[in-house]
């Protein structure tokens, strides 16, 4: 998350703008910068605050759900970014968002084996 957030703020900033829906009421660049800051914060918190990992994992999962409309917009608005230059590639990418949500919940201890302590 920290790496993805930093890329929002630097080298992939333009690419991430392609995922901001045209109907979203906030400027594309502002949205990309804000989401990058959130990603850096969530990634750092996940590492720095292990006692809060359930909460952070849940918030991270919610974040992935919250940004999903951007992925839908990239598909429906036919925007190229990150090598997703066909509708087929953009459609396939949509199916990976639930994997990210599940990974966040699993990493936060919300999915998988229950802690017996």
N, C-alpha and C. Protein backbone atom coordinates (compact mmCIF):
# COMPACT_ATOMS: atom_id res chain seq x y z
N UNK A 1 0.82 -1.20 0.00
CA UNK A 1 0.00 0.00 0.00
C UNK A 1 0.86 1.26 0.00
N UNK A 2 1.91 1.23 0.78
CA UNK A 2 2.77 2.41 0.82
C UNK A 2 3.35 2.68 -0.57
N UNK A 3 3.82 1.62 -1.23
CA UNK A 3 4.38 1.79 -2.57
C UNK A 3 3.35 2.29 -3.56
N UNK A 4 2.14 1.73 -3.50
CA UNK A 4 1.07 2.19 -4.40
C UNK A 4 0.72 3.64 -4.11
N UNK A 5 0.67 3.99 -2.83
CA UNK A 5 0.36 5.37 -2.47
C UNK A 5 1.41 6.34 -2.96
N UNK A 6 2.67 5.96 -2.81
CA UNK A 6 3.75 6.81 -3.30
C UNK A 6 3.68 6.97 -4.81
N UNK A 7 3.31 5.89 -5.50
CA UNK A 7 3.20 6.00 -6.97
C UNK A 7 2.04 6.92 -7.36
N UNK A 8 0.99 6.99 -6.53
CA UNK A 8 -0.09 7.96 -6.78
C UNK A 8 0.46 9.39 -6.76
N UNK A 9 1.40 9.61 -5.88
CA UNK A 9 1.93 10.95 -5.67
C UNK A 9 3.06 11.30 -6.63
N UNK A 10 3.60 10.29 -7.32
CA UNK A 10 4.79 10.53 -8.14
C UNK A 10 4.64 9.94 -9.55
N UNK A 11 5.27 8.82 -9.80
CA UNK A 11 5.46 8.30 -11.15
C UNK A 11 4.20 7.82 -11.88
N UNK A 12 3.17 7.40 -11.16
CA UNK A 12 1.97 6.87 -11.82
C UNK A 12 0.78 7.80 -11.67
N UNK A 13 1.04 9.02 -11.32
CA UNK A 13 -0.04 9.98 -11.07
C UNK A 13 -0.98 10.12 -12.27
N UNK A 14 -0.42 10.25 -13.44
CA UNK A 14 -1.25 10.39 -14.66
C UNK A 14 -2.06 9.12 -14.93
N UNK A 15 -1.45 7.97 -14.71
CA UNK A 15 -2.14 6.70 -14.93
C UNK A 15 -3.35 6.59 -13.99
N UNK A 16 -3.16 6.96 -12.73
CA UNK A 16 -4.27 6.86 -11.77
C UNK A 16 -5.40 7.82 -12.10
N UNK A 17 -5.09 8.91 -12.77
CA UNK A 17 -6.15 9.86 -13.16
C UNK A 17 -7.17 9.20 -14.07
N UNK A 18 -6.75 8.19 -14.83
CA UNK A 18 -7.65 7.48 -15.74
C UNK A 18 -8.71 6.69 -14.98
N UNK A 19 -8.49 6.48 -13.69
CA UNK A 19 -9.44 5.71 -12.90
C UNK A 19 -10.43 6.58 -12.13
N UNK A 20 -10.29 7.88 -12.25
CA UNK A 20 -11.24 8.77 -11.58
C UNK A 20 -12.45 8.94 -12.50
N UNK A 21 -13.63 8.55 -12.02
CA UNK A 21 -14.82 8.65 -12.88
C UNK A 21 -15.09 10.09 -13.33
N UNK A 22 -15.56 10.22 -14.54
CA UNK A 22 -15.84 11.57 -15.08
C UNK A 22 -16.91 12.29 -14.27
N UNK A 23 -17.79 11.54 -13.63
CA UNK A 23 -18.88 12.13 -12.85
C UNK A 23 -18.46 12.50 -11.42
N UNK A 24 -17.26 12.09 -11.00
CA UNK A 24 -16.83 12.35 -9.62
C UNK A 24 -16.67 13.85 -9.42
N UNK A 25 -17.23 14.41 -8.34
CA UNK A 25 -17.28 15.87 -8.19
C UNK A 25 -15.97 16.55 -7.77
N UNK A 26 -14.91 15.78 -7.59
CA UNK A 26 -13.62 16.36 -7.18
C UNK A 26 -12.64 16.24 -8.35
N UNK A 27 -11.81 17.25 -8.52
CA UNK A 27 -10.79 17.27 -9.57
C UNK A 27 -9.99 15.97 -9.57
N UNK A 28 -9.68 15.46 -10.77
CA UNK A 28 -8.96 14.19 -10.91
C UNK A 28 -7.64 14.18 -10.14
N UNK A 29 -6.84 15.22 -10.30
CA UNK A 29 -5.54 15.23 -9.67
C UNK A 29 -5.67 15.28 -8.15
N UNK A 30 -6.60 16.05 -7.64
CA UNK A 30 -6.83 16.12 -6.20
C UNK A 30 -7.26 14.76 -5.67
N UNK A 31 -8.11 14.07 -6.42
CA UNK A 31 -8.58 12.75 -6.02
C UNK A 31 -7.41 11.76 -5.97
N UNK A 32 -6.56 11.79 -6.98
CA UNK A 32 -5.41 10.88 -7.03
C UNK A 32 -4.46 11.18 -5.86
N UNK A 33 -4.18 12.44 -5.61
CA UNK A 33 -3.29 12.80 -4.51
C UNK A 33 -3.88 12.37 -3.16
N UNK A 34 -5.16 12.63 -2.96
CA UNK A 34 -5.80 12.27 -1.69
C UNK A 34 -5.81 10.76 -1.49
N UNK A 35 -6.13 10.02 -2.53
CA UNK A 35 -6.15 8.56 -2.39
C UNK A 35 -4.74 8.02 -2.15
N UNK A 36 -3.75 8.67 -2.73
CA UNK A 36 -2.37 8.27 -2.48
C UNK A 36 -1.97 8.48 -1.03
N UNK A 37 -2.37 9.59 -0.47
CA UNK A 37 -2.08 9.87 0.94
C UNK A 37 -2.77 8.84 1.83
N UNK A 38 -4.02 8.51 1.51
CA UNK A 38 -4.76 7.50 2.29
C UNK A 38 -4.05 6.15 2.19
N UNK A 39 -3.61 5.78 1.00
CA UNK A 39 -2.92 4.49 0.84
C UNK A 39 -1.62 4.44 1.63
N UNK A 40 -0.84 5.50 1.60
CA UNK A 40 0.39 5.54 2.39
C UNK A 40 0.05 5.41 3.87
N UNK A 41 -0.94 6.14 4.32
CA UNK A 41 -1.33 6.10 5.74
C UNK A 41 -1.81 4.71 6.15
N UNK A 42 -2.64 4.09 5.33
CA UNK A 42 -3.15 2.75 5.67
C UNK A 42 -2.03 1.71 5.67
N UNK A 43 -1.16 1.78 4.68
CA UNK A 43 -0.05 0.85 4.61
C UNK A 43 0.89 1.01 5.80
N UNK A 44 1.21 2.23 6.13
CA UNK A 44 2.09 2.48 7.28
C UNK A 44 1.42 2.06 8.58
N UNK A 45 0.15 2.35 8.72
CA UNK A 45 -0.57 1.97 9.95
C UNK A 45 -0.65 0.46 10.10
N UNK A 46 -0.82 -0.25 9.00
CA UNK A 46 -0.90 -1.71 9.06
C UNK A 46 0.38 -2.30 9.64
N UNK A 47 1.51 -1.68 9.31
CA UNK A 47 2.81 -2.16 9.81
C UNK A 47 3.10 -1.62 11.21
N UNK A 48 2.84 -0.35 11.42
CA UNK A 48 3.22 0.32 12.66
C UNK A 48 2.29 0.05 13.83
N UNK A 49 1.06 -0.35 13.54
CA UNK A 49 0.07 -0.53 14.60
C UNK A 49 -0.51 -1.95 14.58
N UNK A 50 0.31 -2.95 14.88
CA UNK A 50 -0.17 -4.33 14.77
C UNK A 50 -1.36 -4.64 15.68
N UNK A 51 -1.49 -3.95 16.78
CA UNK A 51 -2.64 -4.18 17.67
C UNK A 51 -3.95 -3.69 17.06
N UNK A 52 -3.85 -2.87 16.06
CA UNK A 52 -5.04 -2.33 15.39
C UNK A 52 -5.26 -2.96 14.02
N UNK A 53 -4.60 -4.08 13.74
CA UNK A 53 -4.65 -4.63 12.39
C UNK A 53 -6.05 -5.06 11.97
N UNK A 54 -6.89 -5.49 12.89
CA UNK A 54 -8.27 -5.84 12.52
C UNK A 54 -9.01 -4.60 12.01
N UNK A 55 -8.89 -3.52 12.74
CA UNK A 55 -9.53 -2.27 12.32
C UNK A 55 -8.94 -1.77 11.01
N UNK A 56 -7.63 -1.75 10.92
CA UNK A 56 -6.97 -1.24 9.71
C UNK A 56 -7.30 -2.13 8.51
N UNK A 57 -7.31 -3.45 8.70
CA UNK A 57 -7.69 -4.36 7.61
C UNK A 57 -9.10 -4.11 7.14
N UNK A 58 -9.98 -3.84 8.07
CA UNK A 58 -11.38 -3.54 7.73
C UNK A 58 -11.48 -2.22 6.97
N UNK A 59 -10.77 -1.21 7.44
CA UNK A 59 -10.77 0.09 6.75
C UNK A 59 -10.16 -0.05 5.36
N UNK A 60 -9.09 -0.82 5.26
CA UNK A 60 -8.45 -1.04 3.96
C UNK A 60 -9.40 -1.75 3.01
N UNK A 61 -10.10 -2.77 3.50
CA UNK A 61 -11.10 -3.45 2.67
C UNK A 61 -12.18 -2.49 2.20
N UNK A 62 -12.64 -1.63 3.11
CA UNK A 62 -13.64 -0.63 2.75
C UNK A 62 -13.09 0.36 1.71
N UNK A 63 -11.81 0.71 1.86
CA UNK A 63 -11.17 1.59 0.89
C UNK A 63 -11.19 0.96 -0.49
N UNK A 64 -10.85 -0.33 -0.57
CA UNK A 64 -10.88 -1.02 -1.86
C UNK A 64 -12.29 -1.05 -2.45
N UNK A 65 -13.28 -1.19 -1.62
CA UNK A 65 -14.67 -1.13 -2.10
C UNK A 65 -14.97 0.29 -2.58
N UNK A 66 -14.49 1.28 -1.83
CA UNK A 66 -14.75 2.68 -2.17
C UNK A 66 -14.13 3.13 -3.48
N UNK A 67 -12.99 2.56 -3.84
CA UNK A 67 -12.35 2.96 -5.09
C UNK A 67 -12.81 2.12 -6.28
N UNK A 68 -13.61 1.11 -6.03
CA UNK A 68 -14.08 0.24 -7.12
C UNK A 68 -14.83 1.00 -8.22
N UNK A 69 -15.63 2.02 -7.89
CA UNK A 69 -16.26 2.79 -8.97
C UNK A 69 -15.24 3.37 -9.96
N UNK A 70 -14.04 3.66 -9.50
CA UNK A 70 -12.99 4.13 -10.40
C UNK A 70 -12.59 3.06 -11.40
N UNK A 71 -12.53 1.82 -10.94
CA UNK A 71 -12.21 0.72 -11.84
C UNK A 71 -13.35 0.50 -12.83
N UNK A 72 -14.58 0.61 -12.35
CA UNK A 72 -15.73 0.50 -13.24
C UNK A 72 -15.72 1.62 -14.28
N UNK A 73 -15.36 2.83 -13.84
CA UNK A 73 -15.31 3.97 -14.76
C UNK A 73 -14.24 3.77 -15.81
N UNK A 74 -13.10 3.24 -15.41
CA UNK A 74 -12.04 3.00 -16.38
C UNK A 74 -12.54 2.04 -17.46
N UNK A 75 -13.30 1.05 -17.05
CA UNK A 75 -13.87 0.09 -18.02
C UNK A 75 -14.96 0.76 -18.86
N UNK A 76 -15.94 1.36 -18.21
CA UNK A 76 -17.10 1.89 -18.95
C UNK A 76 -16.77 3.12 -19.79
N UNK A 77 -15.74 3.86 -19.38
CA UNK A 77 -15.35 5.06 -20.13
C UNK A 77 -14.19 4.78 -21.08
N UNK A 78 -13.78 3.52 -21.17
CA UNK A 78 -12.76 3.05 -22.12
C UNK A 78 -11.45 3.82 -21.98
N UNK A 79 -10.99 3.99 -20.75
CA UNK A 79 -9.76 4.73 -20.48
C UNK A 79 -8.57 3.78 -20.35
N UNK A 80 -7.53 4.07 -21.09
CA UNK A 80 -6.30 3.27 -21.05
C UNK A 80 -5.42 3.74 -19.89
N UNK A 81 -4.90 2.78 -19.14
CA UNK A 81 -3.92 3.06 -18.08
C UNK A 81 -3.39 1.74 -17.57
N UNK A 82 -2.17 1.75 -17.14
CA UNK A 82 -1.53 0.56 -16.56
C UNK A 82 -1.56 -0.63 -17.51
N UNK A 83 -1.45 -0.39 -18.80
CA UNK A 83 -1.47 -1.48 -19.77
C UNK A 83 -2.85 -2.04 -20.05
N UNK A 84 -3.86 -1.48 -19.43
CA UNK A 84 -5.24 -1.92 -19.67
C UNK A 84 -5.78 -1.12 -20.84
N UNK A 85 -5.45 -1.59 -22.03
CA UNK A 85 -5.75 -0.83 -23.24
C UNK A 85 -6.84 -1.46 -24.10
N UNK A 86 -7.54 -2.44 -23.55
CA UNK A 86 -8.71 -3.01 -24.23
C UNK A 86 -9.81 -3.20 -23.20
N UNK A 87 -11.05 -3.25 -23.69
CA UNK A 87 -12.16 -3.49 -22.77
C UNK A 87 -12.03 -4.84 -22.09
N UNK A 88 -11.51 -5.83 -22.79
CA UNK A 88 -11.35 -7.16 -22.19
C UNK A 88 -10.39 -7.11 -21.00
N UNK A 89 -9.27 -6.43 -21.17
CA UNK A 89 -8.29 -6.31 -20.07
C UNK A 89 -8.89 -5.54 -18.90
N UNK A 90 -9.62 -4.46 -19.21
CA UNK A 90 -10.23 -3.67 -18.14
C UNK A 90 -11.30 -4.48 -17.42
N UNK A 91 -12.04 -5.30 -18.14
CA UNK A 91 -13.07 -6.15 -17.54
C UNK A 91 -12.43 -7.20 -16.62
N UNK A 92 -11.40 -7.84 -17.08
CA UNK A 92 -10.72 -8.86 -16.27
C UNK A 92 -10.20 -8.23 -14.97
N UNK A 93 -9.69 -7.02 -15.05
CA UNK A 93 -9.16 -6.34 -13.87
C UNK A 93 -10.23 -6.17 -12.79
N UNK A 94 -11.47 -5.98 -13.20
CA UNK A 94 -12.55 -5.78 -12.23
C UNK A 94 -12.68 -6.96 -11.26
N UNK A 95 -12.37 -8.15 -11.74
CA UNK A 95 -12.52 -9.34 -10.92
C UNK A 95 -11.41 -9.48 -9.87
N UNK A 96 -10.39 -8.65 -9.95
CA UNK A 96 -9.32 -8.70 -8.96
C UNK A 96 -9.60 -7.81 -7.75
N UNK A 97 -10.54 -6.90 -7.85
CA UNK A 97 -10.85 -6.04 -6.72
C UNK A 97 -11.38 -6.83 -5.52
N UNK A 98 -12.27 -7.81 -5.72
CA UNK A 98 -12.68 -8.62 -4.57
C UNK A 98 -11.51 -9.38 -3.93
N UNK A 99 -10.52 -9.73 -4.72
CA UNK A 99 -9.33 -10.39 -4.18
C UNK A 99 -8.59 -9.44 -3.24
N UNK A 100 -8.48 -8.17 -3.62
CA UNK A 100 -7.84 -7.18 -2.77
C UNK A 100 -8.62 -6.98 -1.47
N UNK A 101 -9.94 -6.93 -1.58
CA UNK A 101 -10.78 -6.78 -0.38
C UNK A 101 -10.56 -7.97 0.54
N UNK A 102 -10.60 -9.17 -0.03
CA UNK A 102 -10.39 -10.38 0.78
C UNK A 102 -9.00 -10.39 1.41
N UNK A 103 -7.98 -9.97 0.67
CA UNK A 103 -6.62 -9.94 1.21
C UNK A 103 -6.52 -8.96 2.38
N UNK A 104 -7.17 -7.82 2.26
CA UNK A 104 -7.15 -6.84 3.36
C UNK A 104 -7.84 -7.41 4.60
N UNK A 105 -8.97 -8.05 4.39
CA UNK A 105 -9.70 -8.64 5.52
C UNK A 105 -8.92 -9.80 6.13
N UNK A 106 -8.30 -10.60 5.29
CA UNK A 106 -7.49 -11.71 5.78
C UNK A 106 -6.28 -11.18 6.56
N UNK A 107 -5.59 -10.20 6.00
CA UNK A 107 -4.44 -9.61 6.67
C UNK A 107 -4.81 -8.97 7.99
N UNK A 108 -6.04 -8.49 8.07
CA UNK A 108 -6.52 -7.90 9.31
C UNK A 108 -7.09 -8.91 10.28
N UNK A 109 -7.08 -10.17 9.89
CA UNK A 109 -7.59 -11.22 10.78
C UNK A 109 -9.09 -11.38 10.76
N UNK A 110 -9.75 -10.81 9.77
CA UNK A 110 -11.20 -10.92 9.67
C UNK A 110 -11.64 -12.15 8.88
N UNK A 111 -10.75 -12.69 8.06
CA UNK A 111 -11.04 -13.90 7.29
C UNK A 111 -10.03 -14.97 7.63
N UNK A 112 -10.39 -16.20 7.46
CA UNK A 112 -9.44 -17.29 7.71
C UNK A 112 -9.61 -17.86 9.10
N UNK A 113 -8.59 -18.54 9.57
CA UNK A 113 -8.63 -19.19 10.88
C UNK A 113 -8.82 -18.15 11.98
N UNK A 114 -9.65 -18.51 12.93
CA UNK A 114 -9.90 -17.62 14.07
C UNK A 114 -8.82 -17.82 15.12
N UNK A 115 -8.45 -16.73 15.74
CA UNK A 115 -7.48 -16.78 16.83
C UNK A 115 -8.18 -17.31 18.07
N UNK A 116 -7.63 -18.36 18.67
CA UNK A 116 -8.28 -18.99 19.82
C UNK A 116 -7.87 -18.35 21.14
N UNK A 117 -7.01 -17.35 21.11
CA UNK A 117 -6.58 -16.74 22.37
C UNK A 117 -7.54 -15.69 22.87
